[in-house]
């Protein structure tokens, strides 16, 4: 069961050494080994049972937080400018499609203006969101 021990050691490698950490690691290893034995009794091969036990183990962040480990830093990239550009290009293409359909199929009736007003809310909303994040970044 070296694979399980290696897996658990990798999970807890960024944690400071302490008796509590070692106790939790031993408990996790024991639980995983018991799960492997149960799966093997159900007819799974050892390698398959180990892999399934590791996959079924789930998230260890709660344990790390209790032990005082580093919180993962999630950097949130400012995507508002990209979203604004995407909305401008997307709405432009949709409006161009409506203009084409309007003039190709019904050139005597100008109806493309109505969906154009509905579509223009998308880039307008993205513009104001971009302005708001730009002001809060200052």
N, C-alpha and C. Protein backbone atom coordinates (compact mmCIF):
# COMPACT_ATOMS: atom_id res chain seq x y z
N UNK A 1 0.83 -1.19 0.00
CA UNK A 1 0.00 0.00 0.00
C UNK A 1 0.88 1.26 0.00
N UNK A 2 2.00 1.16 -0.68
CA UNK A 2 2.91 2.31 -0.78
C UNK A 2 2.25 3.47 -1.50
N UNK A 3 1.38 3.15 -2.45
CA UNK A 3 0.73 4.20 -3.22
C UNK A 3 -0.16 5.07 -2.33
N UNK A 4 -0.83 4.45 -1.38
CA UNK A 4 -1.68 5.20 -0.46
C UNK A 4 -0.84 6.09 0.44
N UNK A 5 0.24 5.53 0.96
CA UNK A 5 1.11 6.33 1.83
C UNK A 5 1.72 7.50 1.06
N UNK A 6 2.11 7.25 -0.18
CA UNK A 6 2.67 8.31 -1.02
C UNK A 6 1.60 9.38 -1.28
N UNK A 7 0.36 8.97 -1.55
CA UNK A 7 -0.74 9.90 -1.79
C UNK A 7 -0.98 10.78 -0.57
N UNK A 8 -1.03 10.17 0.61
CA UNK A 8 -1.30 10.92 1.84
C UNK A 8 -0.14 11.86 2.15
N UNK A 9 1.09 11.39 1.94
CA UNK A 9 2.25 12.26 2.18
C UNK A 9 2.22 13.48 1.27
N UNK A 10 1.80 13.30 0.02
CA UNK A 10 1.69 14.44 -0.90
C UNK A 10 0.60 15.40 -0.47
N UNK A 11 -0.50 14.86 0.06
CA UNK A 11 -1.59 15.72 0.51
C UNK A 11 -1.17 16.64 1.65
N UNK A 12 -0.37 16.10 2.54
CA UNK A 12 -0.03 16.83 3.76
C UNK A 12 1.39 17.40 3.74
N UNK A 13 2.05 17.43 2.60
CA UNK A 13 3.44 17.87 2.56
C UNK A 13 3.61 19.36 2.88
N UNK A 14 2.62 20.18 2.61
CA UNK A 14 2.76 21.61 2.88
C UNK A 14 2.32 21.99 4.29
N UNK A 15 1.96 21.01 5.10
CA UNK A 15 1.54 21.25 6.48
C UNK A 15 2.75 21.22 7.41
N UNK A 16 2.73 22.06 8.44
CA UNK A 16 3.83 22.00 9.40
C UNK A 16 3.78 20.70 10.20
N UNK A 17 4.95 20.15 10.50
CA UNK A 17 5.01 18.89 11.25
C UNK A 17 4.51 19.08 12.67
N UNK A 18 3.65 18.17 13.08
CA UNK A 18 3.14 18.18 14.44
C UNK A 18 2.58 16.80 14.75
N UNK A 19 2.31 16.56 16.01
CA UNK A 19 1.75 15.28 16.41
C UNK A 19 0.34 15.12 15.84
N UNK A 20 -0.39 16.22 15.80
CA UNK A 20 -1.75 16.18 15.29
C UNK A 20 -1.75 15.81 13.79
N UNK A 21 -0.80 16.39 13.04
CA UNK A 21 -0.69 16.08 11.62
C UNK A 21 -0.40 14.60 11.42
N UNK A 22 0.56 14.08 12.18
CA UNK A 22 0.91 12.67 12.06
C UNK A 22 -0.27 11.75 12.42
N UNK A 23 -1.02 12.14 13.44
CA UNK A 23 -2.18 11.33 13.84
C UNK A 23 -3.25 11.34 12.74
N UNK A 24 -3.49 12.50 12.17
CA UNK A 24 -4.49 12.59 11.10
C UNK A 24 -4.02 11.79 9.88
N UNK A 25 -2.73 11.89 9.55
CA UNK A 25 -2.20 11.15 8.41
C UNK A 25 -2.37 9.64 8.62
N UNK A 26 -2.05 9.16 9.81
CA UNK A 26 -2.19 7.74 10.11
C UNK A 26 -3.66 7.30 10.01
N UNK A 27 -4.55 8.15 10.49
CA UNK A 27 -5.97 7.82 10.44
C UNK A 27 -6.46 7.77 8.98
N UNK A 28 -6.01 8.70 8.16
CA UNK A 28 -6.40 8.72 6.75
C UNK A 28 -5.86 7.48 6.05
N UNK A 29 -4.60 7.15 6.32
CA UNK A 29 -4.00 5.95 5.71
C UNK A 29 -4.78 4.70 6.12
N UNK A 30 -5.11 4.61 7.40
CA UNK A 30 -5.85 3.45 7.89
C UNK A 30 -7.22 3.35 7.23
N UNK A 31 -7.92 4.49 7.11
CA UNK A 31 -9.24 4.48 6.49
C UNK A 31 -9.15 4.08 5.01
N UNK A 32 -8.15 4.59 4.33
CA UNK A 32 -7.98 4.24 2.91
C UNK A 32 -7.65 2.76 2.75
N UNK A 33 -6.79 2.24 3.62
CA UNK A 33 -6.45 0.82 3.53
C UNK A 33 -7.67 -0.07 3.81
N UNK A 34 -8.48 0.33 4.78
CA UNK A 34 -9.71 -0.44 5.05
C UNK A 34 -10.64 -0.40 3.84
N UNK A 35 -10.75 0.75 3.20
CA UNK A 35 -11.58 0.86 2.01
C UNK A 35 -11.05 -0.05 0.90
N UNK A 36 -9.71 -0.10 0.76
CA UNK A 36 -9.10 -0.96 -0.26
C UNK A 36 -9.43 -2.42 0.03
N UNK A 37 -9.30 -2.83 1.29
CA UNK A 37 -9.59 -4.23 1.64
C UNK A 37 -11.06 -4.56 1.36
N UNK A 38 -11.96 -3.61 1.68
CA UNK A 38 -13.39 -3.85 1.40
C UNK A 38 -13.63 -4.00 -0.10
N UNK A 39 -13.00 -3.15 -0.88
CA UNK A 39 -13.18 -3.24 -2.34
C UNK A 39 -12.59 -4.53 -2.90
N UNK A 40 -11.47 -4.97 -2.33
CA UNK A 40 -10.87 -6.22 -2.79
C UNK A 40 -11.75 -7.41 -2.43
N UNK A 41 -12.43 -7.36 -1.28
CA UNK A 41 -13.35 -8.42 -0.90
C UNK A 41 -14.55 -8.48 -1.84
N UNK A 42 -14.89 -7.32 -2.44
CA UNK A 42 -16.00 -7.27 -3.38
C UNK A 42 -15.58 -7.74 -4.77
N UNK A 43 -14.30 -8.07 -4.95
CA UNK A 43 -13.85 -8.64 -6.21
C UNK A 43 -12.98 -7.74 -7.07
N UNK A 44 -12.62 -6.58 -6.59
CA UNK A 44 -11.76 -5.69 -7.38
C UNK A 44 -10.30 -6.11 -7.24
N UNK A 45 -9.54 -5.83 -8.27
CA UNK A 45 -8.10 -6.04 -8.20
C UNK A 45 -7.50 -5.00 -7.26
N UNK A 46 -6.30 -5.30 -6.73
CA UNK A 46 -5.69 -4.41 -5.74
C UNK A 46 -5.45 -3.01 -6.32
N UNK A 47 -4.91 -2.93 -7.51
CA UNK A 47 -4.61 -1.63 -8.12
C UNK A 47 -5.89 -0.82 -8.35
N UNK A 48 -6.94 -1.49 -8.83
CA UNK A 48 -8.22 -0.82 -9.04
C UNK A 48 -8.81 -0.35 -7.72
N UNK A 49 -8.70 -1.17 -6.70
CA UNK A 49 -9.24 -0.82 -5.39
C UNK A 49 -8.51 0.38 -4.80
N UNK A 50 -7.19 0.40 -4.95
CA UNK A 50 -6.41 1.54 -4.45
C UNK A 50 -6.82 2.81 -5.18
N UNK A 51 -6.91 2.75 -6.50
CA UNK A 51 -7.28 3.94 -7.27
C UNK A 51 -8.68 4.43 -6.92
N UNK A 52 -9.63 3.50 -6.75
CA UNK A 52 -10.99 3.90 -6.39
C UNK A 52 -11.03 4.51 -5.00
N UNK A 53 -10.29 3.95 -4.07
CA UNK A 53 -10.26 4.51 -2.71
C UNK A 53 -9.69 5.92 -2.72
N UNK A 54 -8.67 6.15 -3.51
CA UNK A 54 -8.06 7.49 -3.59
C UNK A 54 -9.03 8.47 -4.23
N UNK A 55 -9.69 8.04 -5.29
CA UNK A 55 -10.64 8.93 -5.97
C UNK A 55 -11.83 9.24 -5.05
N UNK A 56 -12.31 8.24 -4.34
CA UNK A 56 -13.45 8.43 -3.45
C UNK A 56 -13.11 9.22 -2.19
N UNK A 57 -11.83 9.39 -1.91
CA UNK A 57 -11.43 10.09 -0.69
C UNK A 57 -11.95 11.51 -0.67
N UNK A 58 -11.89 12.21 -1.79
CA UNK A 58 -12.47 13.54 -1.87
C UNK A 58 -11.52 14.65 -1.47
N UNK A 59 -12.10 15.73 -0.96
CA UNK A 59 -11.37 16.96 -0.67
C UNK A 59 -10.78 16.93 0.73
N UNK A 60 -9.54 17.33 0.84
CA UNK A 60 -8.83 17.30 2.11
C UNK A 60 -8.64 18.72 2.68
N UNK A 61 -9.20 19.72 2.02
CA UNK A 61 -8.99 21.11 2.44
C UNK A 61 -9.51 21.38 3.85
N UNK A 62 -10.61 20.74 4.23
CA UNK A 62 -11.14 20.93 5.58
C UNK A 62 -10.15 20.43 6.63
N UNK A 63 -9.55 19.28 6.38
CA UNK A 63 -8.55 18.74 7.31
C UNK A 63 -7.34 19.67 7.39
N UNK A 64 -6.90 20.17 6.25
CA UNK A 64 -5.75 21.07 6.24
C UNK A 64 -6.05 22.35 7.01
N UNK A 65 -7.27 22.85 6.86
CA UNK A 65 -7.64 24.08 7.56
C UNK A 65 -7.65 23.85 9.07
N UNK A 66 -8.14 22.71 9.50
CA UNK A 66 -8.15 22.40 10.93
C UNK A 66 -6.73 22.29 11.49
N UNK A 67 -5.81 21.79 10.66
CA UNK A 67 -4.44 21.63 11.12
C UNK A 67 -3.63 22.91 10.98
N UNK A 68 -4.22 23.95 10.43
CA UNK A 68 -3.53 25.23 10.35
C UNK A 68 -2.63 25.37 9.15
N UNK A 69 -2.97 24.71 8.10
CA UNK A 69 -2.17 24.79 6.89
C UNK A 69 -2.45 26.06 6.11
N UNK A 70 -1.69 26.26 5.08
CA UNK A 70 -1.86 27.43 4.23
C UNK A 70 -3.15 27.29 3.45
N UNK A 71 -3.88 28.40 3.38
CA UNK A 71 -5.08 28.42 2.55
C UNK A 71 -4.67 28.60 1.10
N UNK A 72 -5.26 27.88 0.21
CA UNK A 72 -4.92 28.08 -1.20
C UNK A 72 -5.36 29.47 -1.65
N UNK A 73 -4.46 30.16 -2.29
CA UNK A 73 -4.74 31.51 -2.75
C UNK A 73 -5.35 31.41 -4.14
N UNK A 74 -6.55 31.89 -4.24
CA UNK A 74 -7.22 31.87 -5.53
C UNK A 74 -7.16 33.28 -6.09
N UNK A 75 -6.37 33.44 -7.12
CA UNK A 75 -6.28 34.74 -7.74
C UNK A 75 -7.40 34.88 -8.75
N UNK A 76 -8.10 35.98 -8.63
CA UNK A 76 -9.21 36.22 -9.53
C UNK A 76 -8.77 37.26 -10.54
N UNK A 77 -8.66 36.82 -11.77
CA UNK A 77 -8.24 37.70 -12.84
C UNK A 77 -9.37 38.63 -13.24
N UNK A 78 -9.01 39.86 -13.53
CA UNK A 78 -10.00 40.82 -13.97
C UNK A 78 -10.29 40.58 -15.45
N UNK A 79 -11.44 40.02 -15.72
CA UNK A 79 -11.81 39.66 -17.09
C UNK A 79 -12.83 40.64 -17.67
N UNK A 80 -13.10 41.76 -17.00
CA UNK A 80 -14.17 42.64 -17.45
C UNK A 80 -13.87 43.26 -18.80
N UNK A 81 -12.62 43.57 -19.08
CA UNK A 81 -12.30 44.17 -20.38
C UNK A 81 -12.50 43.15 -21.50
N UNK A 82 -12.10 41.92 -21.25
CA UNK A 82 -12.30 40.86 -22.24
C UNK A 82 -13.80 40.59 -22.43
N UNK A 83 -14.55 40.59 -21.33
CA UNK A 83 -16.00 40.39 -21.43
C UNK A 83 -16.65 41.51 -22.23
N UNK A 84 -16.18 42.73 -22.04
CA UNK A 84 -16.72 43.87 -22.78
C UNK A 84 -16.46 43.70 -24.28
N UNK A 85 -15.24 43.36 -24.64
CA UNK A 85 -14.92 43.14 -26.05
C UNK A 85 -15.73 42.02 -26.66
N UNK A 86 -15.87 40.93 -25.89
CA UNK A 86 -16.66 39.79 -26.37
C UNK A 86 -18.10 40.20 -26.60
N UNK A 87 -18.67 40.97 -25.69
CA UNK A 87 -20.07 41.37 -25.84
C UNK A 87 -20.26 42.33 -27.01
N UNK A 88 -19.30 43.22 -27.24
CA UNK A 88 -19.40 44.14 -28.38
C UNK A 88 -19.36 43.36 -29.68
N UNK A 89 -18.38 42.48 -29.82
CA UNK A 89 -18.27 41.69 -31.06
C UNK A 89 -19.45 40.75 -31.23
N UNK A 90 -19.87 40.10 -30.18
CA UNK A 90 -20.99 39.17 -30.26
C UNK A 90 -22.28 39.87 -30.64
N UNK A 91 -22.56 40.98 -29.98
CA UNK A 91 -23.80 41.70 -30.31
C UNK A 91 -23.72 42.29 -31.72
N UNK A 92 -22.54 42.74 -32.14
CA UNK A 92 -22.38 43.25 -33.50
C UNK A 92 -22.68 42.18 -34.54
N UNK A 93 -22.19 40.97 -34.30
CA UNK A 93 -22.46 39.88 -35.24
C UNK A 93 -23.95 39.48 -35.27
N UNK A 94 -24.57 39.48 -34.12
CA UNK A 94 -25.99 39.13 -34.06
C UNK A 94 -26.83 40.19 -34.76
N UNK A 95 -26.49 41.47 -34.52
CA UNK A 95 -27.22 42.55 -35.18
C UNK A 95 -27.00 42.48 -36.69
N UNK A 96 -25.77 42.20 -37.12
CA UNK A 96 -25.51 42.07 -38.56
C UNK A 96 -26.34 40.93 -39.16
N UNK A 97 -26.49 39.84 -38.43
CA UNK A 97 -27.32 38.74 -38.90
C UNK A 97 -28.77 39.19 -39.08
N UNK A 98 -29.30 39.92 -38.10
CA UNK A 98 -30.67 40.42 -38.21
C UNK A 98 -30.83 41.39 -39.38
N UNK A 99 -29.84 42.26 -39.60
CA UNK A 99 -29.90 43.19 -40.72
C UNK A 99 -29.92 42.40 -42.04
N UNK A 100 -29.05 41.42 -42.16
CA UNK A 100 -29.02 40.60 -43.37
C UNK A 100 -30.36 39.91 -43.60
N UNK A 101 -30.87 39.26 -42.56
CA UNK A 101 -32.15 38.55 -42.70
C UNK A 101 -33.26 39.52 -43.07
N UNK A 102 -33.26 40.70 -42.44
CA UNK A 102 -34.29 41.69 -42.71
C UNK A 102 -34.25 42.13 -44.18
N UNK A 103 -33.09 42.53 -44.66
CA UNK A 103 -33.02 43.06 -46.02
C UNK A 103 -33.06 41.98 -47.09
N UNK A 104 -32.72 40.77 -46.76
CA UNK A 104 -32.76 39.69 -47.75
C UNK A 104 -34.18 39.16 -47.94
N UNK A 105 -34.87 38.93 -46.82
CA UNK A 105 -36.19 38.31 -46.91
C UNK A 105 -37.34 39.32 -46.95
N UNK A 106 -37.24 40.40 -46.20
CA UNK A 106 -38.32 41.40 -46.16
C UNK A 106 -37.74 42.79 -46.32
N UNK A 107 -37.30 43.17 -47.52
CA UNK A 107 -36.65 44.47 -47.70
C UNK A 107 -37.60 45.66 -47.53
N UNK A 108 -38.89 45.44 -47.65
CA UNK A 108 -39.83 46.55 -47.52
C UNK A 108 -40.20 46.86 -46.08
N UNK A 109 -39.95 45.92 -45.15
CA UNK A 109 -40.26 46.12 -43.74
C UNK A 109 -38.96 46.20 -42.96
N UNK A 110 -38.80 47.29 -42.24
CA UNK A 110 -37.59 47.46 -41.42
C UNK A 110 -37.95 47.01 -39.99
N UNK A 111 -37.64 45.78 -39.65
CA UNK A 111 -37.96 45.24 -38.33
C UNK A 111 -36.72 44.93 -37.50
N UNK A 112 -35.52 44.97 -38.09
CA UNK A 112 -34.31 44.58 -37.36
C UNK A 112 -33.99 45.52 -36.20
N UNK A 113 -34.60 46.70 -36.20
CA UNK A 113 -34.32 47.69 -35.16
C UNK A 113 -34.79 47.19 -33.79
N UNK A 114 -35.89 46.49 -33.76
CA UNK A 114 -36.46 46.05 -32.48
C UNK A 114 -35.56 45.05 -31.75
N UNK A 115 -35.10 43.99 -32.40
CA UNK A 115 -34.18 43.10 -31.68
C UNK A 115 -32.83 43.76 -31.40
N UNK A 116 -32.47 44.77 -32.20
CA UNK A 116 -31.21 45.47 -31.97
C UNK A 116 -31.21 46.15 -30.60
N UNK A 117 -32.33 46.78 -30.24
CA UNK A 117 -32.41 47.42 -28.93
C UNK A 117 -32.25 46.39 -27.79
N UNK A 118 -32.84 45.23 -27.97
CA UNK A 118 -32.72 44.19 -26.94
C UNK A 118 -31.29 43.67 -26.85
N UNK A 119 -30.62 43.53 -27.97
CA UNK A 119 -29.26 42.99 -27.98
C UNK A 119 -28.26 44.00 -27.43
N UNK A 120 -28.50 45.28 -27.60
CA UNK A 120 -27.55 46.30 -27.14
C UNK A 120 -27.44 46.39 -25.62
N UNK A 121 -28.37 45.77 -24.89
CA UNK A 121 -28.27 45.76 -23.42
C UNK A 121 -27.05 44.97 -22.95
N UNK A 122 -26.66 43.97 -23.70
CA UNK A 122 -25.53 43.13 -23.32
C UNK A 122 -24.22 43.92 -23.26
N UNK A 123 -23.78 44.58 -24.35
CA UNK A 123 -22.53 45.34 -24.22
C UNK A 123 -22.67 46.55 -23.30
N UNK A 124 -23.86 47.12 -23.21
CA UNK A 124 -24.05 48.24 -22.29
C UNK A 124 -23.84 47.80 -20.85
N UNK A 125 -24.36 46.66 -20.51
CA UNK A 125 -24.18 46.12 -19.16
C UNK A 125 -22.69 45.82 -18.89
N UNK A 126 -22.02 45.22 -19.85
CA UNK A 126 -20.59 44.91 -19.69
C UNK A 126 -19.76 46.19 -19.59
N UNK A 127 -20.17 47.24 -20.29
CA UNK A 127 -19.44 48.51 -20.21
C UNK A 127 -19.52 49.10 -18.80
N UNK A 128 -20.73 49.12 -18.24
CA UNK A 128 -20.87 49.67 -16.89
C UNK A 128 -20.17 48.79 -15.84
N UNK A 129 -20.16 47.50 -16.06
CA UNK A 129 -19.42 46.62 -15.14
C UNK A 129 -17.92 46.89 -15.23
N UNK A 130 -17.43 47.08 -16.45
CA UNK A 130 -16.01 47.41 -16.65
C UNK A 130 -15.67 48.73 -15.97
N UNK A 131 -16.54 49.74 -16.10
CA UNK A 131 -16.31 51.03 -15.43
C UNK A 131 -16.26 50.86 -13.92
N UNK A 132 -17.19 50.07 -13.38
CA UNK A 132 -17.22 49.88 -11.92
C UNK A 132 -15.95 49.21 -11.42
N UNK A 133 -15.49 48.16 -12.09
CA UNK A 133 -14.26 47.48 -11.63
C UNK A 133 -13.04 48.36 -11.85
N UNK A 134 -13.08 49.20 -12.87
CA UNK A 134 -11.97 50.11 -13.12
C UNK A 134 -11.88 51.15 -12.00
N UNK A 135 -13.02 51.63 -11.52
CA UNK A 135 -13.04 52.61 -10.44
C UNK A 135 -12.64 52.00 -9.10
N UNK A 136 -13.05 50.77 -8.84
CA UNK A 136 -12.70 50.14 -7.57
C UNK A 136 -11.25 49.72 -7.52
N UNK A 137 -10.62 49.57 -8.69
CA UNK A 137 -9.20 49.18 -8.73
C UNK A 137 -8.29 50.35 -8.38
N UNK A 138 -8.80 51.54 -8.46
CA UNK A 138 -7.97 52.74 -8.18
C UNK A 138 -7.65 52.89 -6.73
